[in-house]
Amino acid sequence: MRRAGLLAAALCVALAAPLPAIAAEAAPIEVTARPIALDPEKPDRTDFGKLEYVGGLVLSSSDARFGGISGLEISEDGADLVAISDRGTWFTARLESDESHRPVAISDARISPLLAPNGKPVRDGDHDAEGLMRTPSGDMLVSFERRHRIWRYPFAAQGPEAVPVPVDTPAVLARFNFNEGVEALALRPDGGPDGRIVAFSERTETPGGDIIGLIQTRDGFEGLTVAPAGRYHITDAATLADGRLVLLERRFTLIGGVGMRMRLLAPTDLTPGAHIEGEELIDLPARYAIDNMEALASRAMPDGSTLLYVMSDDNFSPLQRTLLLVFRVPATP
């Protein structure tokens, strides 16, 4: 996450008070949820760009460890939520939804530390977790900024107590901008049972100004590039059941405030050496109920549509919010 200039006053407040230490085991916390309309002026509105707004929640907790959500995964039935924070923690919870799949409540919420390969909690300075992806086998891949790396956690077998194994990554990763590393991880459509990945930097650019991405092949990683979208920075990605991929992007300017954008990429875009433009799905300015939107997950539905779950990073600031918004992508015609 690029913090320079992003809600600077809020961040100063957040950094002024250090967080309490995270216990080595999962700790239950109380999280409250209240519904939120995406358009405050038209609370019943559901059409936004090419997406349908299903519903959303504002999540809050008196526990100072809650917040900073930067990566998200949702179970196939939509009932289990797994997220990571950029303070190096897992956040797990049960997500309760109504018959229309509108989220209504959070229960059984827990926080626990991300472990390093030595089995101990990740150290301060090494804990900036940003990207999260579930593989077909149930492992979780987590990317970290500042000291750029990707770790594979056997989450299906061990849950939040999983000890990771480092993923071999190309040398170019070490040259990514300090605070603009691998922000987004997604499953390559033809990734196989081990889950080969597509990774996108937040805003590390080529000399020509394109955003650098990586795609994993049988022989390692190769490059691809994404056309920049003005002041937007990539914050996450999610692969749909039909092989298309959605990029989540975040904007912040002192005059315009925050913005949220999503682009749809075709499976044919996701090849080594590709230059990607994508199709805009949605572009929301600050007047809507958005914040620093950083985390994205997808869930396939029986009718062929897909639900997109988007969460915000509140920077552990009282001036920002943790939001969970749900959108529907129509089925492919």
Protein backbone atom coordinates (compact mmCIF):
# COMPACT_ATOMS: atom_id res chain seq x y z
CA MET A 1 0.00 0.00 0.00
CA ARG A 2 1.35 3.40 -0.94
CA ARG A 3 0.89 5.58 2.15
CA ALA A 4 2.70 8.72 0.97
CA GLY A 5 0.03 11.39 0.69
CA LEU A 6 -2.84 8.99 1.37
CA LEU A 7 -5.05 10.61 3.95
CA ALA A 8 -1.93 11.97 5.63
CA ALA A 9 -3.68 13.41 8.65
CA ALA A 10 -5.40 10.11 9.36
CA LEU A 11 -2.17 8.23 9.05
CA CYS A 12 -0.39 10.52 11.48
CA VAL A 13 -3.04 9.70 14.04
CA ALA A 14 -2.65 5.98 13.37
CA LEU A 15 1.13 5.97 13.65
CA ALA A 16 1.13 8.00 16.84
CA ALA A 17 -0.27 5.12 18.87
CA PRO A 18 1.58 1.78 18.51
CA LEU A 19 -0.59 -1.31 18.30
CA PRO A 20 -0.56 -3.88 21.09
CA ALA A 21 1.42 -7.04 20.47
CA ILE A 22 -0.43 -9.85 18.69
CA ALA A 23 -0.61 -13.10 20.64
CA ALA A 24 0.85 -16.14 18.91
CA GLU A 25 -2.52 -17.94 19.00
CA ALA A 26 -5.80 -16.84 17.40
CA ALA A 27 -7.56 -14.31 19.64
CA PRO A 28 -11.32 -13.75 19.45
CA ILE A 29 -12.44 -10.14 19.00
CA GLU A 30 -15.83 -8.42 18.88
CA VAL A 31 -16.70 -6.86 15.53
CA THR A 32 -19.91 -4.95 14.95
CA ALA A 33 -21.51 -4.49 11.54
CA ARG A 34 -24.06 -2.05 10.22
CA PRO A 35 -25.47 -1.87 6.68
CA ILE A 36 -24.42 0.88 4.30
CA ALA A 37 -25.89 2.23 1.08
CA LEU A 38 -23.33 2.82 -1.64
CA ASP A 39 -25.06 5.98 -2.84
CA PRO A 40 -26.03 8.07 0.22
CA GLU A 41 -28.34 10.23 -1.92
CA LYS A 42 -30.16 7.22 -3.42
CA PRO A 43 -30.02 4.43 -0.81
CA ASP A 44 -32.00 1.97 -2.97
CA ARG A 45 -29.79 2.35 -6.02
CA THR A 46 -28.11 -0.88 -7.19
CA ASP A 47 -26.72 -0.11 -10.67
CA PHE A 48 -23.15 1.20 -10.72
CA GLY A 49 -21.23 1.06 -13.97
CA LYS A 50 -21.48 -2.50 -15.27
CA LEU A 51 -21.98 -3.97 -11.79
CA GLU A 52 -24.91 -4.51 -9.44
CA TYR A 53 -24.46 -3.41 -5.83
CA VAL A 54 -25.72 -6.24 -3.62
CA GLY A 55 -25.04 -4.66 -0.22
CA GLY A 56 -22.37 -3.66 2.24
CA LEU A 57 -21.32 -3.29 5.85
CA VAL A 58 -19.30 -0.90 7.95
CA LEU A 59 -17.21 -3.04 10.31
CA SER A 60 -15.84 -1.70 13.58
CA SER A 61 -14.24 -2.97 16.75
CA SER A 62 -12.96 -1.51 20.00
CA ASP A 63 -9.98 -3.86 19.65
CA ALA A 64 -7.02 -1.82 18.38
CA ARG A 65 -5.69 -4.84 16.46
CA PHE A 66 -8.61 -4.75 14.01
CA GLY A 67 -8.11 -2.94 10.69
CA GLY A 68 -5.57 -2.48 7.92
CA ILE A 69 -7.22 -5.09 5.67
CA SER A 70 -5.19 -5.52 2.48
CA GLY A 71 -6.08 -8.98 1.12
CA LEU A 72 -9.25 -11.09 1.16
CA GLU A 73 -10.60 -14.55 0.32
CA ILE A 74 -14.19 -15.83 0.61
CA SER A 75 -15.24 -19.49 0.81
CA GLU A 76 -17.29 -21.04 -2.00
CA ASP A 77 -20.46 -20.87 0.08
CA GLY A 78 -19.77 -17.28 1.14
CA ALA A 79 -19.81 -18.13 4.85
CA ASP A 80 -16.11 -17.94 5.71
CA LEU A 81 -13.95 -14.84 5.36
CA VAL A 82 -10.14 -14.86 5.52
CA ALA A 83 -8.22 -11.59 5.31
CA ILE A 84 -4.75 -10.27 6.00
CA SER A 85 -3.68 -6.93 7.39
CA ASP A 86 -0.61 -4.88 6.56
CA ARG A 87 0.40 -5.25 10.22
CA GLY A 88 1.10 -8.95 9.59
CA THR A 89 -2.07 -10.58 10.92
CA TRP A 90 -4.78 -12.98 9.80
CA PHE A 91 -8.40 -11.89 10.27
CA THR A 92 -10.91 -14.75 10.06
CA ALA A 93 -14.67 -14.58 10.59
CA ARG A 94 -18.06 -16.00 9.67
CA LEU A 95 -19.97 -13.83 7.23
CA GLU A 96 -23.74 -13.97 7.51
CA SER A 97 -25.79 -13.05 4.43
CA ASP A 98 -29.49 -13.01 3.55
CA GLU A 99 -31.19 -14.89 0.70
CA SER A 100 -30.15 -12.22 -1.82
CA HIS A 101 -26.51 -12.60 -0.68
CA ARG A 102 -26.54 -9.20 1.00
CA PRO A 103 -24.08 -9.27 3.94
CA VAL A 104 -25.82 -8.68 7.27
CA ALA A 105 -23.45 -9.62 10.11
CA ILE A 106 -20.00 -10.82 11.16
CA SER A 107 -19.47 -13.48 13.83
CA ASP A 108 -16.70 -15.65 15.32
CA ALA A 109 -14.06 -13.04 14.41
CA ARG A 110 -10.46 -13.83 15.30
CA ILE A 111 -7.03 -12.24 14.83
CA SER A 112 -3.72 -14.08 14.82
CA PRO A 113 -0.20 -13.36 13.54
CA LEU A 114 1.13 -14.37 10.18
CA LEU A 115 4.01 -16.70 10.88
CA ALA A 116 7.41 -16.61 9.20
CA PRO A 117 9.17 -19.74 7.88
CA ASN A 118 10.87 -20.10 11.27
CA GLY A 119 7.45 -20.59 12.91
CA LYS A 120 7.54 -17.26 14.75
CA PRO A 121 5.34 -14.20 14.08
CA VAL A 122 6.63 -12.00 11.27
CA ARG A 123 8.93 -9.29 12.60
CA ASP A 124 8.17 -5.58 12.70
CA GLY A 125 9.37 -4.09 9.44
CA ASP A 126 8.79 -7.37 7.60
CA HIS A 127 5.05 -7.60 8.24
CA ASP A 128 3.60 -5.47 5.40
CA ALA A 129 1.36 -8.18 3.89
CA GLU A 130 -0.56 -6.93 0.85
CA GLY A 131 -1.73 -9.66 -1.55
CA LEU A 132 -3.67 -12.83 -0.70
CA MET A 133 -4.69 -15.72 -2.97
CA ARG A 134 -6.17 -19.15 -2.29
CA THR A 135 -4.86 -21.96 -4.52
CA PRO A 136 -7.03 -24.87 -5.73
CA SER A 137 -5.41 -27.06 -3.05
CA GLY A 138 -6.39 -24.63 -0.28
CA ASP A 139 -2.97 -23.08 0.30
CA MET A 140 -2.82 -19.32 0.80
CA LEU A 141 -0.22 -17.25 -1.02
CA VAL A 142 0.71 -13.96 0.66
CA SER A 143 2.83 -11.21 -0.89
CA PHE A 144 4.76 -8.68 1.19
CA GLU A 145 6.01 -5.19 0.39
CA ARG A 146 9.17 -3.37 1.47
CA ARG A 147 11.10 -6.64 1.67
CA HIS A 148 9.44 -8.04 -1.43
CA ARG A 149 8.57 -11.73 -1.28
CA ILE A 150 5.74 -14.28 -1.62
CA TRP A 151 5.09 -17.04 0.92
CA ARG A 152 2.88 -20.12 0.56
CA TYR A 153 0.87 -21.06 3.68
CA PRO A 154 -0.71 -24.57 4.00
CA PHE A 155 -3.85 -22.89 5.30
CA ALA A 156 -6.37 -25.64 4.51
CA ALA A 157 -4.48 -28.07 6.74
CA GLN A 158 -3.21 -25.73 9.48
CA GLY A 159 -5.34 -22.59 9.42
CA PRO A 160 -3.83 -19.40 10.85
CA GLU A 161 -1.12 -21.46 12.57
CA ALA A 162 0.32 -22.42 9.16
CA VAL A 163 4.07 -22.04 8.71
CA PRO A 164 4.89 -20.79 5.20
CA VAL A 165 7.36 -21.88 2.55
CA PRO A 166 8.96 -19.12 0.43
CA VAL A 167 7.98 -19.06 -3.25
CA ASP A 168 10.83 -18.76 -5.74
CA THR A 169 10.43 -15.33 -7.35
CA PRO A 170 12.36 -13.58 -10.12
CA ALA A 171 15.20 -11.17 -9.42
CA VAL A 172 13.16 -8.26 -10.78
CA LEU A 173 11.00 -8.40 -7.65
CA ALA A 174 13.89 -7.00 -5.60
CA ARG A 175 13.93 -3.95 -7.86
CA PHE A 176 10.29 -3.06 -7.26
CA ASN A 177 9.72 0.29 -5.57
CA PHE A 178 10.07 0.03 -1.78
CA ASN A 179 6.38 0.65 -1.02
CA GLU A 180 4.93 -0.34 -4.40
CA GLY A 181 5.60 -4.06 -4.54
CA VAL A 182 3.33 -7.02 -5.33
CA GLU A 183 0.01 -5.60 -4.20
CA ALA A 184 -2.20 -8.06 -6.07
CA LEU A 185 -2.14 -11.83 -6.47
CA ALA A 186 -4.62 -13.84 -8.52
CA LEU A 187 -4.93 -17.37 -9.84
CA ARG A 188 -3.83 -17.77 -13.43
CA PRO A 189 -6.89 -19.16 -15.31
CA ASP A 190 -4.91 -22.19 -16.47
CA GLY A 191 -2.88 -22.38 -13.29
CA GLY A 192 -3.33 -26.10 -12.66
CA PRO A 193 -3.77 -27.81 -9.28
CA ASP A 194 -0.79 -26.03 -7.71
CA GLY A 195 -2.21 -22.63 -8.55
CA ARG A 196 0.18 -20.73 -10.79
CA ILE A 197 -0.31 -17.03 -10.30
CA VAL A 198 -0.56 -13.62 -11.87
CA ALA A 199 0.94 -10.82 -9.77
CA PHE A 200 0.72 -7.06 -10.19
CA SER A 201 2.81 -4.32 -8.63
CA GLU A 202 1.01 -1.37 -7.13
CA ARG A 203 2.71 1.17 -9.36
CA THR A 204 6.26 0.04 -10.17
CA GLU A 205 6.58 1.13 -13.80
CA THR A 206 8.57 0.38 -16.92
CA PRO A 207 10.59 3.26 -18.45
CA GLY A 208 7.58 3.81 -20.72
CA GLY A 209 5.21 4.29 -17.78
CA ASP A 210 3.37 0.94 -17.84
CA ILE A 211 2.73 -0.96 -14.61
CA ILE A 212 4.81 -4.11 -14.18
CA GLY A 213 3.17 -7.48 -13.63
CA LEU A 214 4.39 -11.06 -13.45
CA ILE A 215 2.86 -14.30 -14.69
CA GLN A 216 3.99 -17.70 -13.48
CA THR A 217 4.74 -20.44 -16.01
CA ARG A 218 6.03 -23.98 -15.68
CA ASP A 219 9.55 -22.59 -15.89
CA GLY A 220 9.23 -19.65 -13.50
CA PHE A 221 7.94 -16.10 -13.91
CA GLU A 222 7.71 -13.91 -17.00
CA GLY A 223 6.69 -10.29 -17.36
CA LEU A 224 3.59 -8.51 -18.58
CA THR A 225 2.48 -4.88 -18.34
CA VAL A 226 -0.73 -3.00 -17.53
CA ALA A 227 -1.67 0.38 -18.96
CA PRO A 228 -1.88 2.93 -16.14
CA ALA A 229 -5.25 4.48 -15.31
CA GLY A 230 -4.51 8.08 -14.42
CA ARG A 231 -3.86 8.46 -10.70
CA TYR A 232 -5.18 5.01 -9.90
CA HIS A 233 -2.92 2.39 -8.30
CA ILE A 234 -3.53 -1.37 -8.36
CA THR A 235 -4.51 -2.76 -4.95
CA ASP A 236 -5.80 -6.29 -5.63
CA ALA A 237 -7.03 -8.79 -8.22
CA ALA A 238 -9.39 -11.76 -8.37
CA THR A 239 -9.99 -14.44 -11.00
CA LEU A 240 -13.54 -15.31 -12.04
CA ALA A 241 -14.74 -18.86 -12.68
CA ASP A 242 -14.83 -18.25 -16.46
CA GLY A 243 -11.15 -17.25 -16.51
CA ARG A 244 -11.60 -13.49 -16.63
CA LEU A 245 -9.75 -11.42 -14.05
CA VAL A 246 -10.82 -8.28 -12.17
CA LEU A 247 -8.30 -5.63 -11.12
CA LEU A 248 -9.16 -3.41 -8.15
CA GLU A 249 -7.63 0.07 -8.21
CA ARG A 250 -7.51 2.91 -5.68
CA ARG A 251 -7.02 6.65 -6.18
CA PHE A 252 -6.37 9.47 -3.73
CA THR A 253 -5.90 13.17 -4.38
CA LEU A 254 -6.07 16.06 -1.94
CA ILE A 255 -8.74 17.74 -4.03
CA GLY A 256 -10.81 14.75 -5.17
CA GLY A 257 -10.35 12.44 -2.20
CA VAL A 258 -10.57 8.68 -2.64
CA GLY A 259 -11.75 6.78 -5.68
CA MET A 260 -12.37 3.11 -6.52
CA ARG A 261 -12.10 1.54 -9.95
CA MET A 262 -12.32 -2.02 -11.29
CA ARG A 263 -11.14 -3.31 -14.65
CA LEU A 264 -12.04 -6.61 -16.31
CA LEU A 265 -9.28 -8.54 -18.10
CA ALA A 266 -9.90 -11.30 -20.64
CA PRO A 267 -8.12 -14.68 -20.27
CA THR A 268 -6.28 -13.91 -23.51
CA ASP A 269 -4.77 -10.84 -21.81
CA LEU A 270 -2.99 -12.99 -19.26
CA THR A 271 -0.03 -14.24 -21.25
CA PRO A 272 3.72 -13.61 -20.96
CA GLY A 273 4.70 -10.36 -22.61
CA ALA A 274 1.13 -9.06 -22.88
CA HIS A 275 0.27 -5.37 -22.62
CA ILE A 276 -3.12 -5.07 -20.91
CA GLU A 277 -5.72 -2.33 -21.17
CA GLY A 278 -8.81 -4.03 -19.76
CA GLU A 279 -12.48 -3.05 -19.73
CA GLU A 280 -13.75 -0.63 -17.09
CA LEU A 281 -16.43 -2.13 -14.86
CA ILE A 282 -16.90 0.67 -12.34
CA ASP A 283 -15.35 4.00 -11.36
CA LEU A 284 -16.60 5.57 -8.13
CA PRO A 285 -15.54 8.98 -6.78
CA ALA A 286 -15.45 10.03 -3.14
CA ARG A 287 -19.12 11.00 -2.87
CA TYR A 288 -20.02 7.31 -2.70
CA ALA A 289 -19.58 5.12 0.38
CA ILE A 290 -16.02 4.05 -0.33
CA ASP A 291 -12.70 4.37 1.46
CA ASN A 292 -9.17 3.10 0.81
CA MET A 293 -10.35 -0.01 -1.06
CA GLU A 294 -7.53 -2.56 -0.97
CA ALA A 295 -8.86 -6.13 -0.88
CA LEU A 296 -10.85 -8.12 -3.44
CA ALA A 297 -12.27 -11.65 -3.57
CA SER A 298 -14.63 -13.42 -5.98
CA ARG A 299 -17.30 -16.09 -5.54
CA ALA A 300 -18.97 -18.00 -8.38
CA MET A 301 -22.77 -18.26 -8.29
CA PRO A 302 -24.97 -21.08 -9.72
CA ASP A 303 -26.55 -18.75 -12.31
CA GLY A 304 -23.16 -17.98 -13.87
CA SER A 305 -22.78 -14.57 -12.26
CA THR A 306 -19.97 -13.73 -9.83
CA LEU A 307 -20.04 -11.89 -6.52
CA LEU A 308 -17.14 -9.54 -5.84
CA TYR A 309 -16.29 -8.78 -2.20
CA VAL A 310 -14.28 -5.59 -1.65
CA MET A 311 -12.79 -4.46 1.66
CA SER A 312 -11.04 -1.25 2.70
CA ASP A 313 -7.85 -0.60 4.64
CA ASP A 314 -8.59 1.96 7.36
CA ASN A 315 -4.89 2.53 8.11
CA PHE A 316 -5.82 1.93 11.78
CA SER A 317 -7.15 5.48 11.81
CA PRO A 318 -10.34 6.75 13.51
CA LEU A 319 -10.81 9.01 10.49
CA GLN A 320 -11.28 6.06 8.13
CA ARG A 321 -13.54 3.00 8.00
CA THR A 322 -13.34 -0.73 7.33
CA LEU A 323 -15.95 -1.41 4.66
CA LEU A 324 -17.13 -4.68 3.13
CA LEU A 325 -18.97 -4.09 -0.18
CA VAL A 326 -20.50 -6.79 -2.39
CA PHE A 327 -21.09 -6.42 -6.14
CA ARG A 328 -22.42 -8.79 -8.78
CA VAL A 329 -20.74 -9.32 -12.16
CA PRO A 330 -23.34 -10.53 -14.71
CA ALA A 331 -22.86 -13.92 -16.32
CA THR A 332 -21.03 -13.97 -19.64
CA PRO A 333 -23.61 -13.77 -22.46
